[in-house]
C-alpha cells in the first residue's frame, strides 16, 4: 500500500516534469550548453570572463595607455569578471563605469537576480576603487553621457553586428583614447565583422581580445 501510494504521487510529478522539459527543450539545451562551457577548463576562459593571456594583454594596454587619462567605460557588465580586473589595474583615482541593463545572461536568471548577483560580485571594488555600476540600456547611456573623455571604452555587451558597430562608432565620436573589446572570433561573427568594418586593420589582438593601435 505504501508503494502504491508513493507511485501514485511520483508518477504524475515525473510526467509533468518530463512534459515541461520537452516543452522547453531548446532552453534546456542552451542552459546545459552554457553550463558545460562554464566548467570546461580546457577552454581557458568562462562566461563573462577572459583567458589568462587576454587578462595579461588587457592589463598591459591599461597600464601603458590608460592610467589616469580619464575614466574607463565598460559596456556590458554581465557578472563583473572583467570589471574586477579593470578595477585592479586602473589608476587609484581613475573611475570605472560599468554599464548593463541585465537583460541577458547565459543561465537565464531573472533580471533582478542577475543584477543582485553582479552587484554582490562587485561590492568590494565599488566601496574601495571608484567603480560605479550603472543600470541602463547601452544606447540610452551613450546618448546621455556627458562625462570626461574616456581613456578606454571596453565593448562586451550585445554581440550583434549593428550593436557592436554602434558602440565602436560612439567610442570614436567621444574621442576614447583606446577602444577595446572581447569575442573577436569566428564564434561571434557580428563582433568580428563590426570591428573589421569600422576599424579595418587598426587593431591588435590577443586570442579574442581586440584593441585599437
Protein backbone atom coordinates (compact mmCIF):
# COMPACT_ATOMS: atom_id res chain seq x y z
CA UNK A 1 0.00 0.00 0.00
CA UNK A 2 2.84 2.36 0.83
CA UNK A 3 4.48 1.69 -2.54
CA UNK A 4 1.20 2.15 -4.38
CA UNK A 5 0.61 5.48 -2.62
CA UNK A 6 4.16 6.62 -3.36
CA UNK A 7 3.82 5.66 -7.02
CA UNK A 8 0.51 7.49 -7.35
CA UNK A 9 2.24 10.69 -6.22
CA UNK A 10 5.55 10.35 -8.03
CA UNK A 11 4.39 9.28 -11.48
CA UNK A 12 2.28 12.40 -12.14
CA UNK A 13 5.14 14.58 -10.89
CA UNK A 14 7.65 12.84 -13.13
CA UNK A 15 5.29 13.05 -16.10
CA UNK A 16 4.67 16.77 -15.52
CA UNK A 17 8.40 17.42 -15.25
CA UNK A 18 9.08 15.49 -18.44
CA UNK A 19 6.38 17.48 -20.25
CA UNK A 20 7.89 20.76 -19.06
CA UNK A 21 11.38 19.70 -20.10
CA UNK A 22 10.12 18.68 -23.54
CA UNK A 23 8.12 21.88 -23.97
CA UNK A 24 11.17 24.00 -23.10
CA UNK A 25 13.72 21.68 -24.69
CA UNK A 26 15.53 24.42 -26.65
CA UNK A 27 16.00 26.48 -23.49
CA UNK A 28 17.18 23.40 -21.58
CA UNK A 29 19.74 22.58 -24.27
CA UNK A 30 21.00 26.19 -24.26
CA UNK A 31 21.24 26.22 -20.48
CA UNK A 32 23.11 22.91 -20.39
CA UNK A 33 25.47 24.03 -23.15
CA UNK A 34 26.27 27.25 -21.32
CA UNK A 35 26.86 25.39 -18.09
CA UNK A 36 29.23 22.95 -19.78
CA UNK A 37 31.09 25.90 -21.31
CA UNK A 38 31.44 27.37 -17.83
CA UNK A 39 33.03 24.27 -16.31
CA UNK A 40 35.12 23.25 -19.33
CA UNK A 41 38.58 24.19 -18.12
CA UNK A 42 40.10 23.33 -21.50
CA UNK A 43 38.59 26.48 -22.96
CA UNK A 44 40.79 28.65 -20.73
CA UNK A 45 38.03 31.19 -20.08
CA UNK A 46 34.46 31.26 -18.87
CA UNK A 47 31.21 33.09 -19.43
CA UNK A 48 31.72 36.79 -18.87
CA UNK A 49 35.45 36.37 -18.36
CA UNK A 50 38.65 36.42 -20.35
CA UNK A 51 41.52 33.98 -20.55
CA UNK A 52 44.82 34.44 -18.74
CA UNK A 53 46.55 35.57 -21.94
CA UNK A 54 43.78 38.08 -22.58
CA UNK A 55 44.00 39.31 -18.99
CA UNK A 56 47.72 39.93 -19.39
CA UNK A 57 47.23 41.79 -22.68
CA UNK A 58 44.42 43.95 -21.27
CA UNK A 59 46.47 44.72 -18.19
CA UNK A 60 49.38 45.90 -20.32
CA UNK A 61 47.14 48.08 -22.50
CA UNK A 62 45.62 49.77 -19.44
CA UNK A 63 49.00 50.35 -17.78
CA UNK A 64 50.71 51.62 -20.94
CA UNK A 65 47.95 53.78 -22.38
CA UNK A 66 45.12 54.43 -19.95
CA UNK A 67 46.34 55.18 -16.43
CA UNK A 68 44.76 58.37 -15.06
CA UNK A 69 43.79 59.65 -18.50
CA UNK A 70 40.05 59.80 -17.93
CA UNK A 71 37.52 57.17 -16.91
CA UNK A 72 37.32 53.64 -18.22
CA UNK A 73 33.86 52.76 -19.53
CA UNK A 74 32.84 49.12 -19.78
CA UNK A 75 29.80 48.40 -21.93
CA UNK A 76 28.43 45.09 -20.66
CA UNK A 77 28.93 44.10 -17.02
CA UNK A 78 27.37 40.63 -17.05
CA UNK A 79 28.79 39.13 -13.82
CA UNK A 80 31.61 41.64 -13.31
CA UNK A 81 34.63 39.43 -14.02
CA UNK A 82 36.34 41.86 -16.42
CA UNK A 83 35.18 44.75 -14.23
CA UNK A 84 37.20 43.30 -11.36
CA UNK A 85 40.33 43.11 -13.50
CA UNK A 86 39.92 46.67 -14.76
CA UNK A 87 39.31 47.90 -11.21
CA UNK A 88 42.54 46.24 -10.10
CA UNK A 89 44.84 47.64 -12.80
CA UNK A 90 43.43 51.15 -13.38
CA UNK A 91 44.76 54.21 -11.55
CA UNK A 92 43.68 54.72 -7.95
CA UNK A 93 41.92 57.99 -8.78
CA UNK A 94 40.55 56.78 -12.09
CA UNK A 95 36.87 55.96 -12.28
CA UNK A 96 35.47 52.78 -13.83
CA UNK A 97 31.90 52.96 -15.12
CA UNK A 98 30.36 49.60 -15.96
CA UNK A 99 27.01 49.60 -17.77
CA UNK A 100 24.40 46.87 -18.20
CA UNK A 101 20.62 46.54 -18.28
CA UNK A 102 20.74 42.88 -17.12
CA UNK A 103 18.51 41.75 -19.98
CA UNK A 104 20.64 38.69 -20.82
CA UNK A 105 22.79 36.13 -19.06
CA UNK A 106 23.76 32.61 -20.11
CA UNK A 107 21.89 30.95 -17.24
CA UNK A 108 18.52 32.61 -17.86
CA UNK A 109 18.48 34.21 -14.43
CA UNK A 110 15.68 36.76 -13.99
CA UNK A 111 16.96 40.30 -14.49
CA UNK A 112 16.59 41.22 -10.80
CA UNK A 113 18.57 38.16 -9.70
CA UNK A 114 21.21 38.81 -12.34
CA UNK A 115 21.59 42.38 -11.13
CA UNK A 116 21.85 41.34 -7.47
CA UNK A 117 24.48 38.74 -8.33
CA UNK A 118 26.60 41.25 -10.27
CA UNK A 119 26.30 43.84 -7.50
CA UNK A 120 27.42 41.30 -4.93
CA UNK A 121 30.43 40.31 -7.05
CA UNK A 122 31.49 43.95 -7.37
CA UNK A 123 30.56 45.37 -3.99
CA UNK A 124 34.16 45.34 -2.73
CA UNK A 125 35.57 47.41 -5.59
CA UNK A 126 32.54 49.70 -5.54
CA UNK A 127 33.42 50.59 -1.94
CA UNK A 128 37.16 50.96 -2.39
CA UNK A 129 38.15 51.51 -6.02
CA UNK A 130 35.97 54.19 -7.59
CA UNK A 131 33.81 51.74 -9.51
CA UNK A 132 30.34 52.90 -10.48
CA UNK A 133 27.72 50.40 -11.64
CA UNK A 134 25.16 51.92 -14.00
CA UNK A 135 21.92 50.11 -14.78
CA UNK A 136 20.91 51.35 -18.20
CA UNK A 137 20.36 50.39 -21.80
CA UNK A 138 23.67 50.93 -23.57
CA UNK A 139 22.16 53.25 -26.19
CA UNK A 140 20.49 55.38 -23.50
CA UNK A 141 23.73 55.65 -21.53
CA UNK A 142 25.59 56.69 -24.67
CA UNK A 143 23.00 59.32 -25.57
CA UNK A 144 23.12 60.85 -22.08
CA UNK A 145 26.86 60.59 -21.37
CA UNK A 146 28.42 63.99 -20.63
CA UNK A 147 31.46 62.97 -18.62
CA UNK A 148 35.16 63.24 -19.33
CA UNK A 149 36.67 61.82 -22.47
CA UNK A 150 37.37 58.20 -21.53
CA UNK A 151 40.80 56.65 -21.51
CA UNK A 152 39.20 53.41 -22.68
CA UNK A 153 35.85 52.11 -23.83
CA UNK A 154 35.65 48.34 -23.36
CA UNK A 155 32.92 46.79 -25.53
CA UNK A 156 31.40 43.48 -24.44
CA UNK A 157 27.62 43.91 -24.46
CA UNK A 158 25.26 42.92 -27.29
CA UNK A 159 27.31 40.89 -29.79
CA UNK A 160 25.09 41.57 -32.80
CA UNK A 161 26.75 43.39 -35.69
CA UNK A 162 24.70 46.59 -35.54
CA UNK A 163 25.09 46.93 -31.78
CA UNK A 164 28.86 46.43 -31.81
CA UNK A 165 29.22 48.82 -34.75
CA UNK A 166 27.19 51.46 -32.91
CA UNK A 167 29.30 51.00 -29.75
CA UNK A 168 32.56 51.43 -31.67
CA UNK A 169 31.26 54.49 -33.53
CA UNK A 170 30.14 56.07 -30.25
CA UNK A 171 33.57 55.49 -28.71
CA UNK A 172 35.17 57.12 -31.76
CA UNK A 173 32.81 60.12 -31.58
CA UNK A 174 33.64 60.87 -27.96
CA UNK A 175 37.36 60.51 -28.59
CA UNK A 176 38.15 57.48 -26.42
CA UNK A 177 41.90 57.01 -26.09
CA UNK A 178 41.64 53.24 -26.55
CA UNK A 179 38.74 51.22 -27.88
CA UNK A 180 38.88 47.62 -26.76
CA UNK A 181 36.59 44.63 -26.61
CA UNK A 182 36.13 40.90 -26.37
CA UNK A 183 34.94 37.99 -28.53
CA UNK A 184 36.68 38.93 -31.78
CA UNK A 185 36.38 35.42 -33.18
CA UNK A 186 34.54 33.26 -35.68
CA UNK A 187 32.23 32.20 -32.86
CA UNK A 188 30.89 35.76 -32.81
CA UNK A 189 30.83 36.84 -36.48
CA UNK A 190 28.89 40.02 -35.72
CA UNK A 191 31.65 41.25 -33.42
CA UNK A 192 34.41 40.40 -35.87
CA UNK A 193 32.67 41.99 -38.86
CA UNK A 194 31.80 45.19 -36.97
CA UNK A 195 35.38 45.63 -35.74
CA UNK A 196 36.77 45.00 -39.23
CA UNK A 197 34.26 47.26 -40.97
CA UNK A 198 34.75 50.25 -38.67
CA UNK A 199 38.39 49.95 -37.66
CA UNK A 200 39.92 47.94 -40.50
CA UNK A 201 43.50 46.96 -39.79
CA UNK A 202 43.85 49.46 -36.97
CA UNK A 203 43.64 46.87 -34.23
CA UNK A 204 45.76 44.37 -32.36
CA UNK A 205 44.51 41.10 -30.89
CA UNK A 206 45.38 38.51 -28.30
CA UNK A 207 43.15 35.47 -28.71
CA UNK A 208 39.68 37.07 -28.89
CA UNK A 209 40.60 40.32 -27.13
CA UNK A 210 40.99 43.29 -29.51
CA UNK A 211 42.07 46.90 -29.09
CA UNK A 212 42.91 49.91 -31.23
CA UNK A 213 46.53 50.63 -32.05
